[in-house]
Amino acid sequence: MIRRKPLNRGTIWAQMKALCKRAGVNPSKVFPHNLRKLFARTFYDIEKDIAKLADILGHSNINTTRIYTMTTGVEHRRKIESLGLVC
């Protein structure tokens, strides 16, 4: 049986920094919370279920989860323009 360290913030942080070195990415630009936000946005883009996402992230208030799924004004503009409804 292989014994592994439990996944906690410190373990994830160390693994991310090691991956950065291997990929040639500046480790000072990568944080575990960024990965959490990327997961949340990707999950929401696919599932469109904010209540399920809130449960997965452990949020008791959906408004907290909404912060993770918010898009920028540039993204809103791009989506509106792609609809072809506004000249």
N, C-alpha and C. Protein backbone atom coordinates (compact mmCIF):
# COMPACT_ATOMS: atom_id res chain seq x y z
N MET A 1 0.85 -1.19 0.00
CA MET A 1 0.00 0.00 0.00
C MET A 1 0.89 1.24 0.00
N ILE A 2 0.58 2.16 -0.89
CA ILE A 2 1.33 3.41 -0.97
C ILE A 2 0.68 4.43 -0.04
N ARG A 3 1.47 5.00 0.83
CA ARG A 3 0.96 6.04 1.72
C ARG A 3 1.27 7.39 1.11
N ARG A 4 0.26 8.20 0.99
CA ARG A 4 0.44 9.55 0.42
C ARG A 4 0.09 10.58 1.47
N LYS A 5 0.66 11.76 1.26
CA LYS A 5 0.30 12.87 2.14
C LYS A 5 -1.16 13.24 1.87
N PRO A 6 -1.89 13.63 2.91
CA PRO A 6 -3.27 14.09 2.66
C PRO A 6 -3.26 15.37 1.84
N LEU A 7 -4.29 15.54 1.02
CA LEU A 7 -4.38 16.76 0.23
C LEU A 7 -4.87 17.89 1.12
N ASN A 8 -4.01 18.83 1.33
CA ASN A 8 -4.38 20.03 2.05
C ASN A 8 -3.78 21.21 1.28
N ARG A 9 -4.03 22.38 1.73
CA ARG A 9 -3.58 23.58 1.00
C ARG A 9 -2.06 23.57 0.79
N GLY A 10 -1.33 23.20 1.81
CA GLY A 10 0.13 23.19 1.71
C GLY A 10 0.65 22.16 0.72
N THR A 11 0.06 20.97 0.71
CA THR A 11 0.46 19.93 -0.22
C THR A 11 0.15 20.35 -1.65
N ILE A 12 -1.03 20.90 -1.88
CA ILE A 12 -1.42 21.36 -3.21
C ILE A 12 -0.49 22.48 -3.66
N TRP A 13 -0.20 23.40 -2.76
CA TRP A 13 0.70 24.52 -3.07
C TRP A 13 2.06 23.98 -3.53
N ALA A 14 2.62 23.05 -2.78
CA ALA A 14 3.94 22.50 -3.12
C ALA A 14 3.90 21.79 -4.47
N GLN A 15 2.84 21.03 -4.74
CA GLN A 15 2.72 20.33 -6.01
C GLN A 15 2.59 21.32 -7.17
N MET A 16 1.83 22.38 -6.96
CA MET A 16 1.67 23.39 -8.01
C MET A 16 2.99 24.08 -8.30
N LYS A 17 3.76 24.40 -7.27
CA LYS A 17 5.05 25.07 -7.46
C LYS A 17 6.01 24.14 -8.22
N ALA A 18 5.99 22.84 -7.89
CA ALA A 18 6.84 21.88 -8.59
C ALA A 18 6.44 21.78 -10.07
N LEU A 19 5.15 21.78 -10.34
CA LEU A 19 4.68 21.75 -11.73
C LEU A 19 5.09 23.02 -12.48
N CYS A 20 5.05 24.14 -11.79
CA CYS A 20 5.48 25.40 -12.41
C CYS A 20 6.92 25.31 -12.87
N LYS A 21 7.78 24.80 -12.02
CA LYS A 21 9.19 24.68 -12.37
C LYS A 21 9.36 23.79 -13.60
N ARG A 22 8.65 22.66 -13.61
CA ARG A 22 8.76 21.73 -14.75
C ARG A 22 8.22 22.35 -16.03
N ALA A 23 7.20 23.20 -15.91
CA ALA A 23 6.57 23.81 -17.09
C ALA A 23 7.22 25.13 -17.49
N GLY A 24 8.15 25.61 -16.67
CA GLY A 24 8.81 26.88 -16.97
C GLY A 24 7.92 28.09 -16.70
N VAL A 25 6.99 27.94 -15.78
CA VAL A 25 6.09 29.03 -15.41
C VAL A 25 6.59 29.67 -14.13
N ASN A 26 6.50 30.98 -14.05
CA ASN A 26 6.93 31.70 -12.85
C ASN A 26 6.03 31.29 -11.67
N PRO A 27 6.57 30.59 -10.66
CA PRO A 27 5.76 30.13 -9.53
C PRO A 27 5.09 31.25 -8.74
N SER A 28 5.62 32.46 -8.83
CA SER A 28 5.01 33.57 -8.09
C SER A 28 3.68 34.01 -8.71
N LYS A 29 3.35 33.47 -9.86
CA LYS A 29 2.10 33.82 -10.55
C LYS A 29 1.00 32.78 -10.33
N VAL A 30 1.30 31.70 -9.61
CA VAL A 30 0.36 30.59 -9.47
C VAL A 30 0.01 30.39 -8.00
N PHE A 31 -1.30 30.27 -7.73
CA PHE A 31 -1.79 30.10 -6.37
C PHE A 31 -2.91 29.05 -6.35
N PRO A 32 -3.03 28.26 -5.28
CA PRO A 32 -4.11 27.27 -5.19
C PRO A 32 -5.50 27.90 -5.36
N HIS A 33 -5.69 29.11 -4.88
CA HIS A 33 -7.01 29.72 -5.00
C HIS A 33 -7.36 29.99 -6.47
N ASN A 34 -6.36 30.28 -7.29
CA ASN A 34 -6.60 30.46 -8.73
C ASN A 34 -7.13 29.16 -9.34
N LEU A 35 -6.58 28.03 -8.90
CA LEU A 35 -7.04 26.73 -9.38
C LEU A 35 -8.49 26.50 -8.95
N ARG A 36 -8.82 26.88 -7.74
CA ARG A 36 -10.19 26.74 -7.23
C ARG A 36 -11.16 27.59 -8.08
N LYS A 37 -10.74 28.81 -8.39
CA LYS A 37 -11.59 29.69 -9.20
C LYS A 37 -11.74 29.16 -10.62
N LEU A 38 -10.65 28.64 -11.19
CA LEU A 38 -10.71 28.06 -12.52
C LEU A 38 -11.66 26.86 -12.54
N PHE A 39 -11.56 26.00 -11.51
CA PHE A 39 -12.46 24.86 -11.42
C PHE A 39 -13.91 25.35 -11.36
N ALA A 40 -14.18 26.33 -10.51
CA ALA A 40 -15.55 26.83 -10.33
C ALA A 40 -16.12 27.37 -11.64
N ARG A 41 -15.35 28.18 -12.33
CA ARG A 41 -15.84 28.76 -13.60
C ARG A 41 -16.05 27.70 -14.65
N THR A 42 -15.13 26.73 -14.73
CA THR A 42 -15.25 25.66 -15.71
C THR A 42 -16.46 24.79 -15.39
N PHE A 43 -16.62 24.42 -14.12
CA PHE A 43 -17.77 23.60 -13.71
C PHE A 43 -19.08 24.32 -14.04
N TYR A 44 -19.14 25.60 -13.71
CA TYR A 44 -20.38 26.36 -13.96
C TYR A 44 -20.64 26.50 -15.46
N ASP A 45 -19.60 26.73 -16.25
CA ASP A 45 -19.77 26.84 -17.71
C ASP A 45 -20.36 25.56 -18.30
N ILE A 46 -19.98 24.43 -17.74
CA ILE A 46 -20.46 23.14 -18.25
C ILE A 46 -21.82 22.78 -17.66
N GLU A 47 -21.95 22.85 -16.35
CA GLU A 47 -23.15 22.36 -15.66
C GLU A 47 -24.27 23.39 -15.52
N LYS A 48 -23.94 24.67 -15.44
CA LYS A 48 -24.93 25.73 -15.22
C LYS A 48 -25.77 25.48 -13.96
N ASP A 49 -25.14 24.91 -12.93
CA ASP A 49 -25.85 24.60 -11.68
C ASP A 49 -25.09 25.23 -10.52
N ILE A 50 -25.49 26.45 -10.17
CA ILE A 50 -24.77 27.19 -9.13
C ILE A 50 -24.98 26.58 -7.74
N ALA A 51 -26.15 25.96 -7.51
CA ALA A 51 -26.41 25.33 -6.21
C ALA A 51 -25.48 24.14 -6.00
N LYS A 52 -25.31 23.31 -7.02
CA LYS A 52 -24.40 22.17 -6.92
C LYS A 52 -22.97 22.66 -6.73
N LEU A 53 -22.60 23.70 -7.45
CA LEU A 53 -21.25 24.26 -7.31
C LEU A 53 -21.03 24.78 -5.90
N ALA A 54 -22.02 25.46 -5.33
CA ALA A 54 -21.90 25.96 -3.96
C ALA A 54 -21.66 24.81 -2.98
N ASP A 55 -22.36 23.69 -3.20
CA ASP A 55 -22.16 22.51 -2.34
C ASP A 55 -20.74 21.97 -2.48
N ILE A 56 -20.27 21.87 -3.72
CA ILE A 56 -18.92 21.34 -3.96
C ILE A 56 -17.86 22.23 -3.31
N LEU A 57 -18.03 23.54 -3.44
CA LEU A 57 -17.05 24.48 -2.88
C LEU A 57 -17.20 24.67 -1.37
N GLY A 58 -18.31 24.19 -0.82
CA GLY A 58 -18.52 24.32 0.62
C GLY A 58 -19.04 25.68 1.04
N HIS A 59 -19.69 26.38 0.13
CA HIS A 59 -20.25 27.70 0.44
C HIS A 59 -21.65 27.55 1.03
N SER A 60 -21.93 28.23 2.11
CA SER A 60 -23.27 28.21 2.69
C SER A 60 -24.17 29.26 2.04
N ASN A 61 -23.56 30.20 1.33
CA ASN A 61 -24.32 31.27 0.69
C ASN A 61 -24.00 31.29 -0.81
N ILE A 62 -25.02 31.17 -1.63
CA ILE A 62 -24.82 31.14 -3.09
C ILE A 62 -24.21 32.45 -3.59
N ASN A 63 -24.43 33.55 -2.88
CA ASN A 63 -23.82 34.81 -3.31
C ASN A 63 -22.30 34.74 -3.29
N THR A 64 -21.75 33.97 -2.39
CA THR A 64 -20.30 33.75 -2.37
C THR A 64 -19.88 33.00 -3.63
N THR A 65 -20.65 32.00 -4.00
CA THR A 65 -20.35 31.21 -5.19
C THR A 65 -20.47 32.07 -6.45
N ARG A 66 -21.41 32.98 -6.49
CA ARG A 66 -21.59 33.85 -7.65
C ARG A 66 -20.32 34.64 -7.96
N ILE A 67 -19.56 34.99 -6.92
CA ILE A 67 -18.31 35.73 -7.12
C ILE A 67 -17.35 34.91 -7.99
N TYR A 68 -17.35 33.60 -7.80
CA TYR A 68 -16.47 32.72 -8.56
C TYR A 68 -16.88 32.61 -10.02
N THR A 69 -18.15 32.83 -10.32
CA THR A 69 -18.65 32.61 -11.67
C THR A 69 -18.84 33.91 -12.45
N MET A 70 -18.55 35.04 -11.84
CA MET A 70 -18.73 36.32 -12.51
C MET A 70 -17.78 36.45 -13.69
N THR A 71 -18.26 37.10 -14.73
CA THR A 71 -17.43 37.35 -15.90
C THR A 71 -17.15 38.84 -16.00
N THR A 72 -16.19 39.18 -16.82
CA THR A 72 -15.81 40.59 -16.98
C THR A 72 -16.69 41.26 -18.02
N GLY A 73 -16.63 42.57 -18.06
CA GLY A 73 -17.37 43.33 -19.06
C GLY A 73 -16.95 42.97 -20.48
N VAL A 74 -15.67 42.68 -20.66
CA VAL A 74 -15.17 42.28 -21.98
C VAL A 74 -15.83 40.98 -22.42
N GLU A 75 -15.95 40.03 -21.48
CA GLU A 75 -16.59 38.75 -21.81
C GLU A 75 -18.06 38.94 -22.13
N HIS A 76 -18.74 39.81 -21.37
CA HIS A 76 -20.15 40.10 -21.65
C HIS A 76 -20.30 40.70 -23.04
N ARG A 77 -19.45 41.66 -23.37
CA ARG A 77 -19.52 42.32 -24.67
C ARG A 77 -19.30 41.31 -25.79
N ARG A 78 -18.32 40.44 -25.64
CA ARG A 78 -18.02 39.43 -26.65
C ARG A 78 -19.22 38.50 -26.88
N LYS A 79 -19.88 38.09 -25.79
CA LYS A 79 -21.05 37.21 -25.92
C LYS A 79 -22.21 37.93 -26.60
N ILE A 80 -22.43 39.18 -26.23
CA ILE A 80 -23.52 39.95 -26.84
C ILE A 80 -23.25 40.16 -28.32
N GLU A 81 -22.02 40.50 -28.68
CA GLU A 81 -21.67 40.70 -30.08
C GLU A 81 -21.81 39.42 -30.88
N SER A 82 -21.51 38.28 -30.25
CA SER A 82 -21.60 37.01 -30.98
C SER A 82 -23.05 36.64 -31.32
N LEU A 83 -24.01 37.23 -30.58
CA LEU A 83 -25.42 36.97 -30.87
C LEU A 83 -25.88 37.70 -32.13
N GLY A 84 -25.17 38.75 -32.50
CA GLY A 84 -25.51 39.50 -33.71
C GLY A 84 -26.78 40.33 -33.57
N LEU A 85 -27.17 40.63 -32.34
CA LEU A 85 -28.40 41.40 -32.11
C LEU A 85 -28.16 42.89 -31.99
N VAL A 86 -26.90 43.26 -31.72
CA VAL A 86 -26.57 44.67 -31.52
C VAL A 86 -25.57 45.08 -32.59
N CYS A 87 -25.85 46.21 -33.24
CA CYS A 87 -24.93 46.68 -34.30
C CYS A 87 -23.86 47.55 -33.72
